[in-house]
Amino acid sequence: ADDPRAGFRAVSGLMLALFVTSTATGVITTIVAERGGGGAGV
């Protein structure tokens, strides 16, 4: 509480990594689900 900026600074990189992971996973999962279906021909 005295210095939240210093406390946050230590985990800021992990926060960005989690944001990037969530964004990339959401986009790719959706593209595969929307376009990956269909008949492949037995």
PDB file of all heavy atoms in Angstrom:
ATOM      1  N   ALA A   1       0.828  -1.209   0.000  1.00  0.00           N
ATOM      2  CA  ALA A   1       0.000   0.000   0.000  1.00  0.00           C
ATOM      3  C   ALA A   1       0.861   1.258   0.000  1.00  0.00           C
ATOM      4  O   ALA A   1       0.474   2.277  -0.589  1.00  0.00           O
ATOM      5  CB  ALA A   1      -0.927  -0.012   1.216  1.00  0.00           C
ATOM      6  N   ASP A   2       2.035   1.204   0.654  1.00  0.00           N
ATOM      7  CA  ASP A   2       2.924   2.362   0.673  1.00  0.00           C
ATOM      8  C   ASP A   2       3.500   2.659  -0.703  1.00  0.00           C
ATOM      9  O   ASP A   2       3.678   3.823  -1.073  1.00  0.00           O
ATOM     10  CB  ASP A   2       4.070   2.133   1.676  1.00  0.00           C
ATOM     11  CG  ASP A   2       3.610   2.304   3.113  1.00  0.00           C
ATOM     12  OD1 ASP A   2       2.515   2.846   3.316  1.00  0.00           O
ATOM     13  OD2 ASP A   2       4.348   1.876   4.021  1.00  0.00           O
ATOM     14  N   ASP A   3       3.819   1.607  -1.466  1.00  0.00           N
ATOM     15  CA  ASP A   3       4.413   1.821  -2.793  1.00  0.00           C
ATOM     16  C   ASP A   3       3.876   0.780  -3.770  1.00  0.00           C
ATOM     17  O   ASP A   3       4.574  -0.166  -4.146  1.00  0.00           O
ATOM     18  CB  ASP A   3       5.938   1.746  -2.715  1.00  0.00           C
ATOM     19  CG  ASP A   3       6.601   2.295  -3.985  1.00  0.00           C
ATOM     20  OD1 ASP A   3       5.871   2.692  -4.917  1.00  0.00           O
ATOM     21  OD2 ASP A   3       7.853   2.324  -4.043  1.00  0.00           O
ATOM     22  N   PRO A   4       2.604   0.885  -4.184  1.00  0.00           N
ATOM     23  CA  PRO A   4       2.036  -0.114  -5.097  1.00  0.00           C
ATOM     24  C   PRO A   4       2.700  -0.113  -6.466  1.00  0.00           C
ATOM     25  O   PRO A   4       2.667  -1.124  -7.170  1.00  0.00           O
ATOM     26  CB  PRO A   4       0.562   0.279  -5.186  1.00  0.00           C
ATOM     27  CG  PRO A   4       0.529   1.731  -4.824  1.00  0.00           C
ATOM     28  CD  PRO A   4       1.627   1.926  -3.829  1.00  0.00           C
ATOM     29  N   ARG A   5       3.318   1.002  -6.858  1.00  0.00           N
ATOM     30  CA  ARG A   5       3.981   1.047  -8.163  1.00  0.00           C
ATOM     31  C   ARG A   5       5.143   0.062  -8.211  1.00  0.00           C
ATOM     32  O   ARG A   5       5.337  -0.644  -9.199  1.00  0.00           O
ATOM     33  CB  ARG A   5       4.456   2.464  -8.451  1.00  0.00           C
ATOM     34  CG  ARG A   5       3.331   3.487  -8.592  1.00  0.00           C
ATOM     35  CD  ARG A   5       3.873   4.900  -8.679  1.00  0.00           C
ATOM     36  NE  ARG A   5       2.809   5.894  -8.765  1.00  0.00           N
ATOM     37  CZ  ARG A   5       2.158   6.368  -7.709  1.00  0.00           C
ATOM     38  NH1 ARG A   5       2.482   5.944  -6.477  1.00  0.00           N
ATOM     39  NH2 ARG A   5       1.206   7.268  -7.866  1.00  0.00           N
ATOM     40  N   ALA A   6       5.936   0.025  -7.142  1.00  0.00           N
ATOM     41  CA  ALA A   6       7.063  -0.905  -7.100  1.00  0.00           C
ATOM     42  C   ALA A   6       6.577  -2.345  -7.068  1.00  0.00           C
ATOM     43  O   ALA A   6       7.155  -3.226  -7.716  1.00  0.00           O
ATOM     44  CB  ALA A   6       7.939  -0.612  -5.879  1.00  0.00           C
ATOM     45  N   GLY A   7       5.500  -2.614  -6.317  1.00  0.00           N
ATOM     46  CA  GLY A   7       4.966  -3.974  -6.280  1.00  0.00           C
ATOM     47  C   GLY A   7       4.447  -4.432  -7.625  1.00  0.00           C
ATOM     48  O   GLY A   7       4.641  -5.586  -8.021  1.00  0.00           O
ATOM     49  N   PHE A   8       3.783  -3.524  -8.337  1.00  0.00           N
ATOM     50  CA  PHE A   8       3.260  -3.884  -9.651  1.00  0.00           C
ATOM     51  C   PHE A   8       4.374  -4.063 -10.669  1.00  0.00           C
ATOM     52  O   PHE A   8       4.285  -4.916 -11.559  1.00  0.00           O
ATOM     53  CB  PHE A   8       2.289  -2.810 -10.126  1.00  0.00           C
ATOM     54  CG  PHE A   8       1.927  -2.927 -11.575  1.00  0.00           C
ATOM     55  CD1 PHE A   8       1.097  -3.933 -12.023  1.00  0.00           C
ATOM     56  CD2 PHE A   8       2.442  -2.033 -12.509  1.00  0.00           C
ATOM     57  CE1 PHE A   8       0.775  -4.047 -13.367  1.00  0.00           C
ATOM     58  CE2 PHE A   8       2.122  -2.137 -13.843  1.00  0.00           C
ATOM     59  CZ  PHE A   8       1.285  -3.146 -14.274  1.00  0.00           C
ATOM     60  N   ARG A   9       5.434  -3.261 -10.549  1.00  0.00           N
ATOM     61  CA  ARG A   9       6.503  -3.309 -11.531  1.00  0.00           C
ATOM     62  C   ARG A   9       7.089  -4.713 -11.655  1.00  0.00           C
ATOM     63  O   ARG A   9       7.496  -5.135 -12.731  1.00  0.00           O
ATOM     64  CB  ARG A   9       7.587  -2.312 -11.161  1.00  0.00           C
ATOM     65  CG  ARG A   9       8.588  -2.016 -12.269  1.00  0.00           C
ATOM     66  CD  ARG A   9       9.613  -0.999 -11.800  1.00  0.00           C
ATOM     67  NE  ARG A   9       8.962   0.247 -11.389  1.00  0.00           N
ATOM     68  CZ  ARG A   9       9.098   0.794 -10.190  1.00  0.00           C
ATOM     69  NH1 ARG A   9       9.859   0.220  -9.277  1.00  0.00           N
ATOM     70  NH2 ARG A   9       8.471   1.920  -9.897  1.00  0.00           N
ATOM     71  N   ALA A  10       7.128  -5.451 -10.549  1.00  0.00           N
ATOM     72  CA  ALA A  10       7.736  -6.785 -10.570  1.00  0.00           C
ATOM     73  C   ALA A  10       6.940  -7.765 -11.419  1.00  0.00           C
ATOM     74  O   ALA A  10       7.505  -8.703 -11.977  1.00  0.00           O
ATOM     75  CB  ALA A  10       7.881  -7.316  -9.141  1.00  0.00           C
ATOM     76  N   VAL A  11       5.618  -7.580 -11.515  1.00  0.00           N
ATOM     77  CA  VAL A  11       4.785  -8.548 -12.230  1.00  0.00           C
ATOM     78  C   VAL A  11       4.196  -7.954 -13.505  1.00  0.00           C
ATOM     79  O   VAL A  11       3.347  -8.583 -14.142  1.00  0.00           O
ATOM     80  CB  VAL A  11       3.639  -9.051 -11.312  1.00  0.00           C
ATOM     81  CG1 VAL A  11       4.199  -9.776 -10.105  1.00  0.00           C
ATOM     82  CG2 VAL A  11       2.739  -7.901 -10.887  1.00  0.00           C
ATOM     83  N   SER A  12       4.630  -6.761 -13.907  1.00  0.00           N
ATOM     84  CA  SER A  12       4.060  -6.133 -15.095  1.00  0.00           C
ATOM     85  C   SER A  12       4.307  -6.971 -16.348  1.00  0.00           C
ATOM     86  O   SER A  12       3.445  -7.062 -17.224  1.00  0.00           O
ATOM     87  CB  SER A  12       4.634  -4.727 -15.275  1.00  0.00           C
ATOM     88  OG  SER A  12       6.055  -4.762 -15.376  1.00  0.00           O
ATOM     89  N   GLY A  13       5.496  -7.585 -16.438  1.00  0.00           N
ATOM     90  CA  GLY A  13       5.777  -8.430 -17.599  1.00  0.00           C
ATOM     91  C   GLY A  13       4.852  -9.629 -17.672  1.00  0.00           C
ATOM     92  O   GLY A  13       4.382 -10.020 -18.749  1.00  0.00           O
ATOM     93  N   LEU A  14       4.566 -10.243 -16.521  1.00  0.00           N
ATOM     94  CA  LEU A  14       3.652 -11.385 -16.500  1.00  0.00           C
ATOM     95  C   LEU A  14       2.228 -10.959 -16.859  1.00  0.00           C
ATOM     96  O   LEU A  14       1.494 -11.711 -17.501  1.00  0.00           O
ATOM     97  CB  LEU A  14       3.672 -12.029 -15.117  1.00  0.00           C
ATOM     98  CG  LEU A  14       4.970 -12.759 -14.771  1.00  0.00           C
ATOM     99  CD1 LEU A  14       5.005 -13.095 -13.299  1.00  0.00           C
ATOM    100  CD2 LEU A  14       5.105 -14.020 -15.598  1.00  0.00           C
ATOM    101  N   MET A  15       1.831  -9.772 -16.442  1.00  0.00           N
ATOM    102  CA  MET A  15       0.512  -9.285 -16.805  1.00  0.00           C
ATOM    103  C   MET A  15       0.391  -9.140 -18.318  1.00  0.00           C
ATOM    104  O   MET A  15      -0.608  -9.564 -18.927  1.00  0.00           O
ATOM    105  CB  MET A  15       0.251  -7.947 -16.127  1.00  0.00           C
ATOM    106  CG  MET A  15      -1.116  -7.349 -16.454  1.00  0.00           C
ATOM    107  SD  MET A  15      -1.202  -5.586 -16.113  1.00  0.00           S
ATOM    108  CE  MET A  15      -0.048  -4.968 -17.343  1.00  0.00           C
ATOM    109  N   LEU A  16       1.415  -8.563 -18.955  1.00  0.00           N
ATOM    110  CA  LEU A  16       1.386  -8.420 -20.409  1.00  0.00           C
ATOM    111  C   LEU A  16       1.388  -9.786 -21.086  1.00  0.00           C
ATOM    112  O   LEU A  16       0.716  -9.986 -22.105  1.00  0.00           O
ATOM    113  CB  LEU A  16       2.585  -7.591 -20.873  1.00  0.00           C
ATOM    114  CG  LEU A  16       2.584  -6.116 -20.464  1.00  0.00           C
ATOM    115  CD1 LEU A  16       3.849  -5.431 -20.972  1.00  0.00           C
ATOM    116  CD2 LEU A  16       1.349  -5.403 -20.988  1.00  0.00           C
ATOM    117  N   ALA A  17       2.163 -10.741 -20.534  1.00  0.00           N
ATOM    118  CA  ALA A  17       2.198 -12.089 -21.112  1.00  0.00           C
ATOM    119  C   ALA A  17       0.825 -12.739 -21.036  1.00  0.00           C
ATOM    120  O   ALA A  17       0.378 -13.398 -21.987  1.00  0.00           O
ATOM    121  CB  ALA A  17       3.231 -12.942 -20.384  1.00  0.00           C
ATOM    122  N   LEU A  18       0.133 -12.564 -19.916  1.00  0.00           N
ATOM    123  CA  LEU A  18      -1.196 -13.147 -19.779  1.00  0.00           C
ATOM    124  C   LEU A  18      -2.180 -12.480 -20.730  1.00  0.00           C
ATOM    125  O   LEU A  18      -3.036 -13.142 -21.323  1.00  0.00           O
ATOM    126  CB  LEU A  18      -1.671 -13.008 -18.335  1.00  0.00           C
ATOM    127  CG  LEU A  18      -3.008 -13.667 -17.993  1.00  0.00           C
ATOM    128  CD1 LEU A  18      -2.964 -15.156 -18.312  1.00  0.00           C
ATOM    129  CD2 LEU A  18      -3.347 -13.463 -16.525  1.00  0.00           C
ATOM    130  N   PHE A  19      -2.060 -11.174 -20.911  1.00  0.00           N
ATOM    131  CA  PHE A  19      -2.927 -10.471 -21.866  1.00  0.00           C
ATOM    132  C   PHE A  19      -2.687 -10.990 -23.282  1.00  0.00           C
ATOM    133  O   PHE A  19      -3.640 -11.289 -24.022  1.00  0.00           O
ATOM    134  CB  PHE A  19      -2.663  -8.973 -21.800  1.00  0.00           C
ATOM    135  CG  PHE A  19      -3.298  -8.197 -22.924  1.00  0.00           C
ATOM    136  CD1 PHE A  19      -4.652  -7.910 -22.909  1.00  0.00           C
ATOM    137  CD2 PHE A  19      -2.547  -7.773 -24.013  1.00  0.00           C
ATOM    138  CE1 PHE A  19      -5.244  -7.205 -23.954  1.00  0.00           C
ATOM    139  CE2 PHE A  19      -3.123  -7.072 -25.049  1.00  0.00           C
ATOM    140  CZ  PHE A  19      -4.479  -6.784 -25.022  1.00  0.00           C
ATOM    141  N   VAL A  20      -1.416 -11.100 -23.675  1.00  0.00           N
ATOM    142  CA  VAL A  20      -1.089 -11.572 -25.023  1.00  0.00           C
ATOM    143  C   VAL A  20      -1.560 -13.009 -25.208  1.00  0.00           C
ATOM    144  O   VAL A  20      -2.124 -13.370 -26.254  1.00  0.00           O
ATOM    145  CB  VAL A  20       0.426 -11.459 -25.261  1.00  0.00           C
ATOM    146  CG1 VAL A  20       0.834 -12.192 -26.527  1.00  0.00           C
ATOM    147  CG2 VAL A  20       0.836  -9.997 -25.349  1.00  0.00           C
ATOM    148  N   THR A  21      -1.333 -13.859 -24.206  1.00  0.00           N
ATOM    149  CA  THR A  21      -1.759 -15.254 -24.297  1.00  0.00           C
ATOM    150  C   THR A  21      -3.264 -15.355 -24.457  1.00  0.00           C
ATOM    151  O   THR A  21      -3.769 -16.121 -25.294  1.00  0.00           O
ATOM    152  CB  THR A  21      -1.311 -16.019 -23.040  1.00  0.00           C
ATOM    153  OG1 THR A  21       0.107 -15.966 -22.935  1.00  0.00           O
ATOM    154  CG2 THR A  21      -1.755 -17.469 -23.098  1.00  0.00           C
ATOM    155  N   SER A  22      -4.017 -14.591 -23.682  1.00  0.00           N
ATOM    156  CA  SER A  22      -5.476 -14.640 -23.765  1.00  0.00           C
ATOM    157  C   SER A  22      -5.967 -14.129 -25.112  1.00  0.00           C
ATOM    158  O   SER A  22      -6.862 -14.718 -25.724  1.00  0.00           O
ATOM    159  CB  SER A  22      -6.083 -13.808 -22.626  1.00  0.00           C
ATOM    160  OG  SER A  22      -5.655 -14.287 -21.366  1.00  0.00           O
ATOM    161  N   THR A  23      -5.379 -13.027 -25.594  1.00  0.00           N
ATOM    162  CA  THR A  23      -5.800 -12.473 -26.882  1.00  0.00           C
ATOM    163  C   THR A  23      -5.496 -13.440 -28.023  1.00  0.00           C
ATOM    164  O   THR A  23      -6.361 -13.728 -28.865  1.00  0.00           O
ATOM    165  CB  THR A  23      -5.107 -11.126 -27.131  1.00  0.00           C
ATOM    166  OG1 THR A  23      -5.384 -10.235 -26.053  1.00  0.00           O
ATOM    167  CG2 THR A  23      -5.585 -10.504 -28.430  1.00  0.00           C
ATOM    168  N   ALA A  24      -4.245 -13.935 -28.074  1.00  0.00           N
ATOM    169  CA  ALA A  24      -3.851 -14.836 -29.160  1.00  0.00           C
ATOM    170  C   ALA A  24      -4.656 -16.123 -29.131  1.00  0.00           C
ATOM    171  O   ALA A  24      -5.125 -16.609 -30.166  1.00  0.00           O
ATOM    172  CB  ALA A  24      -2.357 -15.138 -29.061  1.00  0.00           C
ATOM    173  N   THR A  25      -4.848 -16.692 -27.945  1.00  0.00           N
ATOM    174  CA  THR A  25      -5.608 -17.934 -27.834  1.00  0.00           C
ATOM    175  C   THR A  25      -7.056 -17.724 -28.253  1.00  0.00           C
ATOM    176  O   THR A  25      -7.642 -18.557 -28.956  1.00  0.00           O
ATOM    177  CB  THR A  25      -5.546 -18.461 -26.395  1.00  0.00           C
ATOM    178  OG1 THR A  25      -4.187 -18.674 -26.021  1.00  0.00           O
ATOM    179  CG2 THR A  25      -6.308 -19.765 -26.268  1.00  0.00           C
ATOM    180  N   GLY A  26      -7.649 -16.613 -27.821  1.00  0.00           N
ATOM    181  CA  GLY A  26      -9.029 -16.338 -28.205  1.00  0.00           C
ATOM    182  C   GLY A  26      -9.199 -16.202 -29.705  1.00  0.00           C
ATOM    183  O   GLY A  26     -10.138 -16.762 -30.292  1.00  0.00           O
ATOM    184  N   VAL A  27      -8.288 -15.491 -30.356  1.00  0.00           N
ATOM    185  CA  VAL A  27      -8.381 -15.290 -31.805  1.00  0.00           C
ATOM    186  C   VAL A  27      -8.196 -16.604 -32.551  1.00  0.00           C
ATOM    187  O   VAL A  27      -9.003 -16.967 -33.424  1.00  0.00           O
ATOM    188  CB  VAL A  27      -7.351 -14.240 -32.262  1.00  0.00           C
ATOM    189  CG1 VAL A  27      -7.274 -14.204 -33.791  1.00  0.00           C
ATOM    190  CG2 VAL A  27      -7.711 -12.859 -31.726  1.00  0.00           C
ATOM    191  N   ILE A  28      -7.138 -17.346 -32.218  1.00  0.00           N
ATOM    192  CA  ILE A  28      -6.845 -18.575 -32.958  1.00  0.00           C
ATOM    193  C   ILE A  28      -7.896 -19.642 -32.700  1.00  0.00           C
ATOM    194  O   ILE A  28      -8.331 -20.348 -33.620  1.00  0.00           O
ATOM    195  CB  ILE A  28      -5.442 -19.089 -32.589  1.00  0.00           C
ATOM    196  CG1 ILE A  28      -4.392 -18.033 -32.936  1.00  0.00           C
ATOM    197  CG2 ILE A  28      -5.138 -20.385 -33.310  1.00  0.00           C
ATOM    198  CD1 ILE A  28      -4.419 -17.579 -34.370  1.00  0.00           C
ATOM    199  N   THR A  29      -8.333 -19.796 -31.450  1.00  0.00           N
ATOM    200  CA  THR A  29      -9.364 -20.787 -31.133  1.00  0.00           C
ATOM    201  C   THR A  29     -10.632 -20.515 -31.934  1.00  0.00           C
ATOM    202  O   THR A  29     -11.258 -21.439 -32.468  1.00  0.00           O
ATOM    203  CB  THR A  29      -9.673 -20.760 -29.628  1.00  0.00           C
ATOM    204  OG1 THR A  29      -8.494 -21.085 -28.889  1.00  0.00           O
ATOM    205  CG2 THR A  29     -10.763 -21.762 -29.284  1.00  0.00           C
ATOM    206  N   THR A  30     -11.001 -19.270 -32.051  1.00  0.00           N
ATOM    207  CA  THR A  30     -12.216 -18.920 -32.781  1.00  0.00           C
ATOM    208  C   THR A  30     -12.061 -19.165 -34.278  1.00  0.00           C
ATOM    209  O   THR A  30     -12.970 -19.695 -34.928  1.00  0.00           O
ATOM    210  CB  THR A  30     -12.572 -17.445 -32.522  1.00  0.00           C
ATOM    211  OG1 THR A  30     -12.753 -17.248 -31.117  1.00  0.00           O
ATOM    212  CG2 THR A  30     -13.840 -17.061 -33.253  1.00  0.00           C
ATOM    213  N   ILE A  31     -10.907 -18.786 -34.846  1.00  0.00           N
ATOM    214  CA  ILE A  31     -10.691 -19.004 -36.283  1.00  0.00           C
ATOM    215  C   ILE A  31     -10.746 -20.490 -36.611  1.00  0.00           C
ATOM    216  O   ILE A  31     -11.374 -20.910 -37.591  1.00  0.00           O
ATOM    217  CB  ILE A  31      -9.344 -18.397 -36.719  1.00  0.00           C
ATOM    218  CG1 ILE A  31      -9.403 -16.865 -36.650  1.00  0.00           C
ATOM    219  CG2 ILE A  31      -8.984 -18.836 -38.140  1.00  0.00           C
ATOM    220  CD1 ILE A  31      -8.085 -16.190 -36.972  1.00  0.00           C
ATOM    221  N   VAL A  32     -10.107 -21.304 -35.784  1.00  0.00           N
ATOM    222  CA  VAL A  32     -10.121 -22.748 -36.026  1.00  0.00           C
ATOM    223  C   VAL A  32     -11.535 -23.297 -35.904  1.00  0.00           C
ATOM    224  O   VAL A  32     -11.974 -24.120 -36.713  1.00  0.00           O
ATOM    225  CB  VAL A  32      -9.163 -23.460 -35.047  1.00  0.00           C
ATOM    226  CG1 VAL A  32      -9.313 -24.975 -35.156  1.00  0.00           C
ATOM    227  CG2 VAL A  32      -7.728 -23.059 -35.329  1.00  0.00           C
ATOM    228  N   ALA A  33     -12.280 -22.829 -34.905  1.00  0.00           N
ATOM    229  CA  ALA A  33     -13.638 -23.326 -34.711  1.00  0.00           C
ATOM    230  C   ALA A  33     -14.559 -22.914 -35.855  1.00  0.00           C
ATOM    231  O   ALA A  33     -15.423 -23.689 -36.278  1.00  0.00           O
ATOM    232  CB  ALA A  33     -14.191 -22.813 -33.383  1.00  0.00           C
ATOM    233  N   GLU A  34     -14.374 -21.696 -36.371  1.00  0.00           N
ATOM    234  CA  GLU A  34     -15.254 -21.198 -37.427  1.00  0.00           C
ATOM    235  C   GLU A  34     -14.896 -21.753 -38.796  1.00  0.00           C
ATOM    236  O   GLU A  34     -15.776 -22.016 -39.612  1.00  0.00           O
ATOM    237  CB  GLU A  34     -15.193 -19.662 -37.472  1.00  0.00           C
ATOM    238  CG  GLU A  34     -15.794 -18.971 -36.259  1.00  0.00           C
ATOM    239  CD  GLU A  34     -17.313 -18.993 -36.283  1.00  0.00           C
ATOM    240  OE1 GLU A  34     -17.886 -19.329 -37.338  1.00  0.00           O
ATOM    241  OE2 GLU A  34     -17.921 -18.680 -35.244  1.00  0.00           O
ATOM    242  N   ARG A  35     -13.615 -21.925 -39.042  1.00  0.00           N
ATOM    243  CA  ARG A  35     -13.184 -22.321 -40.388  1.00  0.00           C
ATOM    244  C   ARG A  35     -12.710 -23.760 -40.475  1.00  0.00           C
ATOM    245  O   ARG A  35     -12.542 -24.295 -41.569  1.00  0.00           O
ATOM    246  CB  ARG A  35     -12.038 -21.429 -40.864  1.00  0.00           C
ATOM    247  CG  ARG A  35     -12.401 -19.974 -41.003  1.00  0.00           C
ATOM    248  CD  ARG A  35     -11.223 -19.212 -41.579  1.00  0.00           C
ATOM    249  NE  ARG A  35     -11.484 -17.789 -41.715  1.00  0.00           N
ATOM    250  CZ  ARG A  35     -10.598 -16.916 -42.170  1.00  0.00           C
ATOM    251  NH1 ARG A  35      -9.388 -17.329 -42.527  1.00  0.00           N
ATOM    252  NH2 ARG A  35     -10.908 -15.643 -42.267  1.00  0.00           N
ATOM    253  N   GLY A  36     -12.439 -24.369 -39.354  1.00  0.00           N
ATOM    254  CA  GLY A  36     -11.827 -25.693 -39.392  1.00  0.00           C
ATOM    255  C   GLY A  36     -12.798 -26.822 -39.622  1.00  0.00           C
ATOM    256  O   GLY A  36     -12.401 -27.955 -39.788  1.00  0.00           O
ATOM    257  N   GLY A  37     -14.112 -26.531 -39.601  1.00  0.00           N
ATOM    258  CA  GLY A  37     -15.069 -27.608 -39.813  1.00  0.00           C
ATOM    259  C   GLY A  37     -15.248 -27.931 -41.272  1.00  0.00           C
ATOM    260  O   GLY A  37     -14.519 -27.524 -42.153  1.00  0.00           O
ATOM    261  N   GLY A  38     -16.300 -28.678 -41.544  1.00  0.00           N
ATOM    262  CA  GLY A  38     -16.603 -29.013 -42.928  1.00  0.00           C
ATOM    263  C   GLY A  38     -16.162 -30.404 -43.277  1.00  0.00           C
ATOM    264  O   GLY A  38     -15.398 -31.062 -42.594  1.00  0.00           O
ATOM    265  N   GLY A  39     -16.665 -30.876 -44.392  1.00  0.00           N
ATOM    266  CA  GLY A  39     -16.330 -32.213 -44.811  1.00  0.00           C
ATOM    267  C   GLY A  39     -14.934 -32.304 -45.335  1.00  0.00           C
ATOM    268  O   GLY A  39     -14.463 -31.490 -46.083  1.00  0.00           O
ATOM    269  N   ALA A  40     -14.252 -33.332 -44.957  1.00  0.00           N
ATOM    270  CA  ALA A  40     -12.894 -33.540 -45.423  1.00  0.00           C
ATOM    271  C   ALA A  40     -12.840 -34.564 -46.526  1.00  0.00           C
ATOM    272  O   ALA A  40     -11.813 -34.770 -47.131  1.00  0.00           O
ATOM    273  CB  ALA A  40     -12.010 -33.976 -44.258  1.00  0.00           C
ATOM    274  N   GLY A  41     -13.993 -35.223 -46.797  1.00  0.00           N
ATOM    275  CA  GLY A  41     -13.943 -36.296 -47.770  1.00  0.00           C
ATOM    276  C   GLY A  41     -13.396 -37.536 -47.120  1.00  0.00           C
ATOM    277  O   GLY A  41     -12.237 -37.606 -46.760  1.00  0.00           O
ATOM    278  N   VAL A  42     -14.230 -38.562 -46.923  1.00  0.00           N
ATOM    279  CA  VAL A  42     -13.762 -39.746 -46.223  1.00  0.00           C
ATOM    280  C   VAL A  42     -12.628 -40.409 -46.977  1.00  0.00           C
ATOM    281  O   VAL A  42     -11.717 -40.987 -46.395  1.00  0.00           O
ATOM    282  CB  VAL A  42     -14.946 -40.728 -46.023  1.00  0.00           C
ATOM    283  CG1 VAL A  42     -14.492 -41.999 -45.356  1.00  0.00           C
ATOM    284  CG2 VAL A  42     -16.044 -40.057 -45.212  1.00  0.00           C
TER     285      VAL A  42
END
